[in-house]
Amino acid sequence: METEELKTLSVNKSVDARGTACPGPLLEAKKAIGGLGSGETMEVLSADEGTRVDIPKWCKKQGHEYLGTLEENGYFRIFLKKV
């Protein structure tokens, strides 16, 4: 998705993992996605640089759709859709 689309994307669940280091944000995402229905979207907030790589890889492996990442002031907003 384009940056502007991500900025206005409505998410069904937001996971704030900014206080954890790798692999904490990925573990939080794995736990939270179970509460979503197929086609619902989630954002993961993380200050850990590795999460920008880990979440897209995990999405590909699990069959979820990685939508993109926004870089905010000191953290990342990583968006995905449960498939």
N, C-alpha and C. Protein backbone atom coordinates (compact mmCIF):
# COMPACT_ATOMS: atom_id res chain seq x y z
N MET A 1 0.84 -1.18 0.00
CA MET A 1 0.00 0.00 0.00
C MET A 1 0.89 1.25 0.00
N GLU A 2 0.34 2.31 -0.51
CA GLU A 2 1.04 3.60 -0.50
C GLU A 2 0.99 4.21 0.89
N THR A 3 1.92 5.11 1.18
CA THR A 3 2.01 5.76 2.48
C THR A 3 0.70 6.43 2.88
N GLU A 4 0.08 7.15 1.97
CA GLU A 4 -1.17 7.86 2.29
C GLU A 4 -2.29 6.88 2.62
N GLU A 5 -2.32 5.74 1.93
CA GLU A 5 -3.33 4.72 2.22
C GLU A 5 -3.13 4.14 3.62
N LEU A 6 -1.87 3.90 3.97
CA LEU A 6 -1.58 3.36 5.30
C LEU A 6 -1.98 4.34 6.40
N LYS A 7 -1.75 5.62 6.16
CA LYS A 7 -2.07 6.64 7.17
C LYS A 7 -3.56 6.71 7.47
N THR A 8 -4.39 6.36 6.50
CA THR A 8 -5.84 6.44 6.69
C THR A 8 -6.49 5.08 6.87
N LEU A 9 -5.68 4.03 6.94
CA LEU A 9 -6.20 2.67 7.08
C LEU A 9 -6.89 2.48 8.42
N SER A 10 -8.06 1.90 8.39
CA SER A 10 -8.79 1.58 9.62
C SER A 10 -8.35 0.18 10.06
N VAL A 11 -7.86 0.08 11.30
CA VAL A 11 -7.40 -1.22 11.80
C VAL A 11 -8.39 -1.78 12.81
N ASN A 12 -8.47 -3.09 12.84
CA ASN A 12 -9.34 -3.78 13.79
C ASN A 12 -8.66 -3.99 15.14
N LYS A 13 -7.32 -4.02 15.12
CA LYS A 13 -6.58 -4.24 16.35
C LYS A 13 -5.23 -3.54 16.25
N SER A 14 -4.83 -2.93 17.36
CA SER A 14 -3.53 -2.28 17.44
C SER A 14 -2.76 -2.91 18.59
N VAL A 15 -1.53 -3.33 18.31
CA VAL A 15 -0.67 -3.96 19.30
C VAL A 15 0.50 -3.02 19.58
N ASP A 16 0.58 -2.51 20.80
CA ASP A 16 1.66 -1.60 21.17
C ASP A 16 2.78 -2.40 21.83
N ALA A 17 3.82 -2.68 21.03
CA ALA A 17 4.96 -3.45 21.52
C ALA A 17 6.21 -2.57 21.56
N ARG A 18 6.02 -1.26 21.71
CA ARG A 18 7.16 -0.34 21.70
C ARG A 18 8.09 -0.53 22.89
N GLY A 19 7.61 -1.12 23.96
CA GLY A 19 8.44 -1.32 25.14
C GLY A 19 9.21 -2.62 25.15
N THR A 20 9.11 -3.39 24.07
CA THR A 20 9.79 -4.69 24.02
C THR A 20 10.83 -4.73 22.91
N ALA A 21 11.84 -5.55 23.09
CA ALA A 21 12.87 -5.74 22.07
C ALA A 21 12.62 -7.08 21.38
N CYS A 22 13.24 -7.27 20.26
CA CYS A 22 13.13 -8.49 19.49
C CYS A 22 13.42 -9.70 20.37
N PRO A 23 12.60 -10.72 20.38
CA PRO A 23 11.48 -11.00 19.50
C PRO A 23 10.12 -10.59 20.07
N GLY A 24 10.10 -9.73 21.07
CA GLY A 24 8.86 -9.33 21.73
C GLY A 24 7.75 -8.85 20.81
N PRO A 25 8.03 -7.91 19.89
CA PRO A 25 6.95 -7.43 19.00
C PRO A 25 6.35 -8.55 18.14
N LEU A 26 7.19 -9.44 17.65
CA LEU A 26 6.68 -10.55 16.84
C LEU A 26 5.83 -11.49 17.69
N LEU A 27 6.27 -11.78 18.91
CA LEU A 27 5.48 -12.64 19.80
C LEU A 27 4.14 -12.00 20.13
N GLU A 28 4.13 -10.69 20.34
CA GLU A 28 2.87 -9.98 20.62
C GLU A 28 1.94 -10.06 19.40
N ALA A 29 2.50 -9.91 18.21
CA ALA A 29 1.69 -10.00 16.98
C ALA A 29 1.10 -11.39 16.82
N LYS A 30 1.92 -12.42 17.08
CA LYS A 30 1.43 -13.80 16.97
C LYS A 30 0.27 -14.06 17.92
N LYS A 31 0.39 -13.54 19.12
CA LYS A 31 -0.66 -13.73 20.13
C LYS A 31 -1.93 -12.99 19.72
N ALA A 32 -1.78 -11.76 19.24
CA ALA A 32 -2.93 -10.92 18.94
C ALA A 32 -3.69 -11.33 17.68
N ILE A 33 -3.01 -11.88 16.71
CA ILE A 33 -3.68 -12.18 15.44
C ILE A 33 -4.74 -13.27 15.60
N GLY A 34 -4.62 -14.08 16.63
CA GLY A 34 -5.62 -15.10 16.88
C GLY A 34 -6.99 -14.53 17.19
N GLY A 35 -7.04 -13.29 17.65
CA GLY A 35 -8.31 -12.65 17.96
C GLY A 35 -8.95 -11.94 16.78
N LEU A 36 -8.32 -12.01 15.63
CA LEU A 36 -8.86 -11.37 14.44
C LEU A 36 -9.56 -12.37 13.55
N GLY A 37 -10.55 -11.88 12.82
CA GLY A 37 -11.20 -12.71 11.82
C GLY A 37 -10.49 -12.57 10.49
N SER A 38 -10.75 -13.46 9.58
CA SER A 38 -10.15 -13.42 8.26
C SER A 38 -10.50 -12.10 7.56
N GLY A 39 -9.49 -11.44 7.01
CA GLY A 39 -9.70 -10.18 6.31
C GLY A 39 -9.58 -8.95 7.19
N GLU A 40 -9.45 -9.15 8.51
CA GLU A 40 -9.31 -8.01 9.41
C GLU A 40 -7.85 -7.56 9.46
N THR A 41 -7.66 -6.28 9.80
CA THR A 41 -6.31 -5.71 9.79
C THR A 41 -5.82 -5.42 11.20
N MET A 42 -4.49 -5.44 11.32
CA MET A 42 -3.84 -5.18 12.60
C MET A 42 -2.62 -4.31 12.34
N GLU A 43 -2.32 -3.45 13.31
CA GLU A 43 -1.07 -2.71 13.26
C GLU A 43 -0.26 -3.09 14.48
N VAL A 44 1.06 -3.17 14.28
CA VAL A 44 1.98 -3.45 15.36
C VAL A 44 2.87 -2.22 15.51
N LEU A 45 2.89 -1.66 16.71
CA LEU A 45 3.75 -0.52 17.00
C LEU A 45 5.02 -1.05 17.65
N SER A 46 6.17 -0.70 17.08
CA SER A 46 7.43 -1.22 17.59
C SER A 46 8.55 -0.21 17.38
N ALA A 47 9.41 -0.10 18.39
CA ALA A 47 10.60 0.74 18.27
C ALA A 47 11.82 -0.09 17.89
N ASP A 48 11.65 -1.40 17.80
CA ASP A 48 12.75 -2.30 17.49
C ASP A 48 12.94 -2.40 15.97
N GLU A 49 14.12 -2.06 15.51
CA GLU A 49 14.45 -2.04 14.08
C GLU A 49 14.20 -3.41 13.42
N GLY A 50 14.50 -4.48 14.11
CA GLY A 50 14.35 -5.82 13.55
C GLY A 50 12.92 -6.19 13.21
N THR A 51 11.98 -5.55 13.85
CA THR A 51 10.57 -5.86 13.61
C THR A 51 10.16 -5.53 12.18
N ARG A 52 10.81 -4.54 11.59
CA ARG A 52 10.51 -4.16 10.20
C ARG A 52 10.78 -5.30 9.24
N VAL A 53 11.68 -6.19 9.61
CA VAL A 53 12.01 -7.35 8.78
C VAL A 53 11.24 -8.57 9.24
N ASP A 54 11.13 -8.75 10.56
CA ASP A 54 10.51 -9.95 11.13
C ASP A 54 9.03 -10.09 10.77
N ILE A 55 8.27 -9.02 10.90
CA ILE A 55 6.82 -9.11 10.65
C ILE A 55 6.52 -9.47 9.19
N PRO A 56 7.12 -8.79 8.19
CA PRO A 56 6.84 -9.20 6.81
C PRO A 56 7.23 -10.65 6.51
N LYS A 57 8.37 -11.12 7.06
CA LYS A 57 8.78 -12.52 6.86
C LYS A 57 7.77 -13.48 7.47
N TRP A 58 7.32 -13.14 8.69
CA TRP A 58 6.34 -13.98 9.37
C TRP A 58 5.03 -14.02 8.59
N CYS A 59 4.59 -12.86 8.08
CA CYS A 59 3.36 -12.81 7.28
C CYS A 59 3.45 -13.73 6.08
N LYS A 60 4.56 -13.66 5.38
CA LYS A 60 4.76 -14.50 4.19
C LYS A 60 4.72 -15.97 4.57
N LYS A 61 5.38 -16.32 5.65
CA LYS A 61 5.44 -17.71 6.10
C LYS A 61 4.06 -18.23 6.52
N GLN A 62 3.26 -17.37 7.17
CA GLN A 62 1.96 -17.78 7.69
C GLN A 62 0.81 -17.58 6.70
N GLY A 63 1.08 -16.88 5.60
CA GLY A 63 0.04 -16.64 4.60
C GLY A 63 -0.77 -15.38 4.83
N HIS A 64 -0.35 -14.54 5.78
CA HIS A 64 -1.02 -13.26 6.01
C HIS A 64 -0.49 -12.23 5.03
N GLU A 65 -1.22 -11.15 4.85
CA GLU A 65 -0.82 -10.12 3.90
C GLU A 65 -0.15 -8.95 4.62
N TYR A 66 1.12 -8.74 4.33
CA TYR A 66 1.84 -7.58 4.85
C TYR A 66 1.43 -6.38 4.01
N LEU A 67 0.93 -5.33 4.67
CA LEU A 67 0.42 -4.17 3.95
C LEU A 67 1.43 -3.04 3.83
N GLY A 68 2.35 -2.93 4.79
CA GLY A 68 3.36 -1.88 4.72
C GLY A 68 3.75 -1.37 6.09
N THR A 69 4.72 -0.47 6.10
CA THR A 69 5.25 0.10 7.33
C THR A 69 5.35 1.60 7.22
N LEU A 70 4.93 2.28 8.27
CA LEU A 70 5.10 3.72 8.39
C LEU A 70 6.13 3.99 9.48
N GLU A 71 7.04 4.89 9.21
CA GLU A 71 8.02 5.28 10.22
C GLU A 71 7.52 6.55 10.89
N GLU A 72 7.31 6.45 12.20
CA GLU A 72 6.86 7.59 13.00
C GLU A 72 8.05 8.14 13.77
N ASN A 73 7.81 9.03 14.69
CA ASN A 73 8.86 9.64 15.49
C ASN A 73 9.37 8.64 16.53
N GLY A 74 10.39 7.87 16.18
CA GLY A 74 10.99 6.94 17.13
C GLY A 74 10.41 5.53 17.15
N TYR A 75 9.46 5.24 16.27
CA TYR A 75 8.89 3.89 16.22
C TYR A 75 8.30 3.61 14.83
N PHE A 76 7.89 2.38 14.62
CA PHE A 76 7.32 1.94 13.35
C PHE A 76 5.88 1.49 13.57
N ARG A 77 5.05 1.73 12.57
CA ARG A 77 3.68 1.20 12.52
C ARG A 77 3.66 0.20 11.38
N ILE A 78 3.50 -1.07 11.71
CA ILE A 78 3.56 -2.15 10.74
C ILE A 78 2.16 -2.72 10.58
N PHE A 79 1.67 -2.74 9.35
CA PHE A 79 0.29 -3.14 9.08
C PHE A 79 0.24 -4.49 8.37
N LEU A 80 -0.74 -5.30 8.78
CA LEU A 80 -0.95 -6.59 8.14
C LEU A 80 -2.41 -6.96 8.16
N LYS A 81 -2.76 -7.86 7.26
CA LYS A 81 -4.14 -8.36 7.16
C LYS A 81 -4.12 -9.86 7.38
N LYS A 82 -5.02 -10.34 8.25
CA LYS A 82 -5.13 -11.78 8.49
C LYS A 82 -5.85 -12.42 7.31
N VAL A 83 -5.27 -13.50 6.82
CA VAL A 83 -5.86 -14.21 5.67
C VAL A 83 -6.35 -15.55 6.13
